[in-house]
Amino acid sequence: MEDCSAIEIQPVKFDFGHSCPECGDKGKPMKIITLKSLLVPSALANLEPLASYKMCTNKACSVIYFSENLQMFVTTDIKVEVFTKSNEEDCPVCYCFGWTKKRVIQELEETGRTTALEEITSHTKAGRCGCEVNNPEGSCCIGNIKRLLELRQQEG
């Protein structure tokens, strides 16, 4: 039996004129490995591996990923809650090292600061992060922490 990681699949070139079919968001280009890692089994069974996907970043939209073929995956198709779409306090902010909105805010309230950025940066520099396969955005979570802290500061 051939090892599935040995099969080379080349993605189709993405036409960046395509937007989210539900809300029109331009979206963020995604690597297929992120979708393969985070789609629930029933959604993964429908993934078009040769297509190119984008992530819809509109918080009000239920679409998480969409392709140039207009295939869509919504919030119920993903194994984890999506930070950019969620208002839940238990939603991960950092998917690799267990930082949730609640944990960051609780630390801020108890100590006046958070060690989240320092801890995540340290782990990332040590080569321990797995953002590509853990974070629905397919990228480093440090931006999520910074956005959360900025929002918290604006709320005062």
Protein backbone atom coordinates (compact mmCIF):
# COMPACT_ATOMS: atom_id res chain seq x y z
CA MET A 1 0.00 0.00 0.00
CA GLU A 2 1.38 3.39 -1.00
CA ASP A 3 2.01 5.96 1.75
CA CYS A 4 -0.51 8.80 1.23
CA SER A 5 2.11 11.41 2.12
CA ALA A 6 4.14 10.23 -0.89
CA ILE A 7 1.37 11.21 -3.32
CA GLU A 8 2.13 14.62 -4.72
CA ILE A 9 -0.94 16.77 -5.36
CA GLN A 10 -0.42 20.07 -7.09
CA PRO A 11 -2.96 22.78 -6.20
CA VAL A 12 -4.81 24.60 -8.94
CA LYS A 13 -3.80 28.25 -9.36
CA PHE A 14 -6.31 30.35 -7.46
CA ASP A 15 -8.17 33.07 -9.31
CA PHE A 16 -8.04 35.84 -6.74
CA GLY A 17 -11.17 37.40 -8.24
CA HIS A 18 -13.29 34.87 -6.36
CA SER A 19 -14.89 35.91 -3.11
CA CYS A 20 -16.88 34.15 -0.42
CA PRO A 21 -20.10 32.95 -2.07
CA GLU A 22 -22.11 33.87 1.03
CA CYS A 23 -20.87 37.34 2.02
CA GLY A 24 -18.43 38.51 -0.68
CA ASP A 25 -15.36 38.62 1.62
CA LYS A 26 -12.14 38.45 -0.43
CA GLY A 27 -10.75 35.82 1.93
CA LYS A 28 -7.28 34.71 2.91
CA PRO A 29 -5.48 32.02 0.82
CA MET A 30 -5.11 28.73 2.70
CA LYS A 31 -2.84 25.72 2.44
CA ILE A 32 -4.69 22.46 1.82
CA ILE A 33 -2.94 20.85 4.83
CA THR A 34 -4.86 23.19 7.14
CA LEU A 35 -8.21 22.08 5.76
CA LYS A 36 -7.18 18.41 5.82
CA SER A 37 -6.22 18.76 9.47
CA LEU A 38 -9.28 20.63 10.68
CA LEU A 39 -12.28 19.44 8.66
CA VAL A 40 -14.55 16.91 10.36
CA PRO A 41 -14.51 13.51 8.60
CA SER A 42 -17.75 14.06 6.67
CA ALA A 43 -16.50 17.40 5.32
CA LEU A 44 -13.02 16.05 4.59
CA ALA A 45 -14.64 13.33 2.47
CA ASN A 46 -15.94 16.12 0.19
CA LEU A 47 -12.72 18.15 -0.02
CA GLU A 48 -11.50 18.81 -3.56
CA PRO A 49 -7.73 18.31 -3.04
CA LEU A 50 -6.77 19.94 -6.34
CA ALA A 51 -8.75 23.10 -5.62
CA SER A 52 -7.36 26.19 -3.94
CA TYR A 53 -9.15 27.48 -0.89
CA LYS A 54 -9.51 30.74 0.96
CA MET A 55 -10.73 31.46 4.48
CA CYS A 56 -13.63 33.88 4.86
CA THR A 57 -12.64 36.37 7.56
CA ASN A 58 -16.05 38.03 7.93
CA LYS A 59 -17.13 37.37 11.53
CA ALA A 60 -20.82 37.51 10.63
CA CYS A 61 -20.50 34.84 7.90
CA SER A 62 -20.90 31.11 8.63
CA VAL A 63 -18.51 30.15 5.81
CA ILE A 64 -15.02 29.25 7.00
CA TYR A 65 -13.39 28.01 3.77
CA PHE A 66 -14.39 28.36 0.12
CA SER A 67 -12.84 27.37 -3.19
CA GLU A 68 -12.72 28.88 -6.66
CA ASN A 69 -15.29 26.18 -7.52
CA LEU A 70 -17.59 27.77 -4.91
CA GLN A 71 -17.33 24.79 -2.58
CA MET A 72 -17.93 25.96 0.98
CA PHE A 73 -17.17 24.63 4.44
CA VAL A 74 -19.07 26.22 7.32
CA THR A 75 -18.51 26.39 11.08
CA THR A 76 -20.05 22.94 11.66
CA ASP A 77 -17.53 21.42 9.22
CA ILE A 78 -14.56 22.38 11.40
CA LYS A 79 -13.23 20.41 14.40
CA VAL A 80 -12.47 23.52 16.46
CA GLU A 81 -14.07 26.84 17.16
CA VAL A 82 -12.69 29.59 14.92
CA PHE A 83 -11.25 32.58 16.81
CA THR A 84 -12.03 35.11 14.07
CA LYS A 85 -15.69 34.00 14.04
CA SER A 86 -16.37 33.34 17.72
CA ASN A 87 -17.57 35.40 20.67
CA GLU A 88 -17.22 32.47 23.09
CA GLU A 89 -14.77 32.98 25.97
CA ASP A 90 -13.59 29.35 25.80
CA CYS A 91 -12.62 29.75 22.14
CA PRO A 92 -8.92 29.16 21.53
CA VAL A 93 -6.79 32.20 20.80
CA CYS A 94 -3.69 30.01 20.51
CA TYR A 95 -4.47 26.54 19.21
CA CYS A 96 -1.06 25.05 19.96
CA PHE A 97 -0.46 26.04 23.58
CA GLY A 98 -3.91 26.20 25.14
CA TRP A 99 -4.55 29.92 25.40
CA THR A 100 -8.26 30.77 25.29
CA LYS A 101 -9.89 34.18 25.40
CA LYS A 102 -10.96 33.40 28.97
CA ARG A 103 -7.43 32.42 30.07
CA VAL A 104 -5.85 35.58 28.63
CA ILE A 105 -8.49 37.87 30.15
CA GLN A 106 -8.40 36.08 33.50
CA GLU A 107 -4.62 36.48 33.71
CA LEU A 108 -4.96 40.18 32.79
CA GLU A 109 -7.56 40.74 35.49
CA GLU A 110 -5.62 38.84 38.16
CA THR A 111 -2.11 40.16 37.47
CA GLY A 112 -2.53 43.25 35.29
CA ARG A 113 -0.66 41.59 32.42
CA THR A 114 -0.58 38.41 30.36
CA THR A 115 2.34 36.12 29.64
CA ALA A 116 0.61 34.70 26.55
CA LEU A 117 2.74 36.57 23.99
CA GLU A 118 6.00 35.72 25.75
CA GLU A 119 5.08 32.05 26.16
CA ILE A 120 3.88 31.59 22.58
CA THR A 121 6.87 33.46 21.17
CA SER A 122 9.24 31.29 23.21
CA HIS A 123 7.59 28.07 22.03
CA THR A 124 7.54 29.29 18.43
CA LYS A 125 11.23 30.20 18.49
CA ALA A 126 11.94 26.71 19.88
CA GLY A 127 10.15 25.20 16.86
CA ARG A 128 7.21 23.75 18.81
CA CYS A 129 4.25 25.42 17.13
CA GLY A 130 1.94 23.58 14.76
CA CYS A 131 -0.14 26.52 13.60
CA GLU A 132 -0.40 25.23 10.04
CA VAL A 133 -2.40 22.22 11.24
CA ASN A 134 -3.93 23.48 14.51
CA ASN A 135 -5.09 27.03 13.76
CA PRO A 136 -8.02 27.34 11.30
CA GLU A 137 -6.24 30.42 9.89
CA GLY A 138 -3.22 28.24 9.09
CA SER A 139 -0.87 30.85 10.52
CA CYS A 140 0.73 31.94 13.79
CA CYS A 141 -1.65 32.71 16.64
CA ILE A 142 0.35 35.68 17.93
CA GLY A 143 -1.79 37.99 15.77
CA ASN A 144 -4.91 36.63 17.50
CA ILE A 145 -3.45 37.39 20.92
CA LYS A 146 -2.54 40.93 19.83
CA ARG A 147 -6.06 41.51 18.41
CA LEU A 148 -7.63 40.26 21.64
CA LEU A 149 -5.42 42.54 23.74
CA GLU A 150 -6.21 45.53 21.49
CA LEU A 151 -9.95 44.87 21.77
CA ARG A 152 -9.64 44.50 25.53
CA GLN A 153 -7.74 47.78 25.77
CA GLN A 154 -10.38 49.59 23.64
CA GLU A 155 -13.12 48.28 25.95
CA GLY A 156 -11.18 49.92 28.75
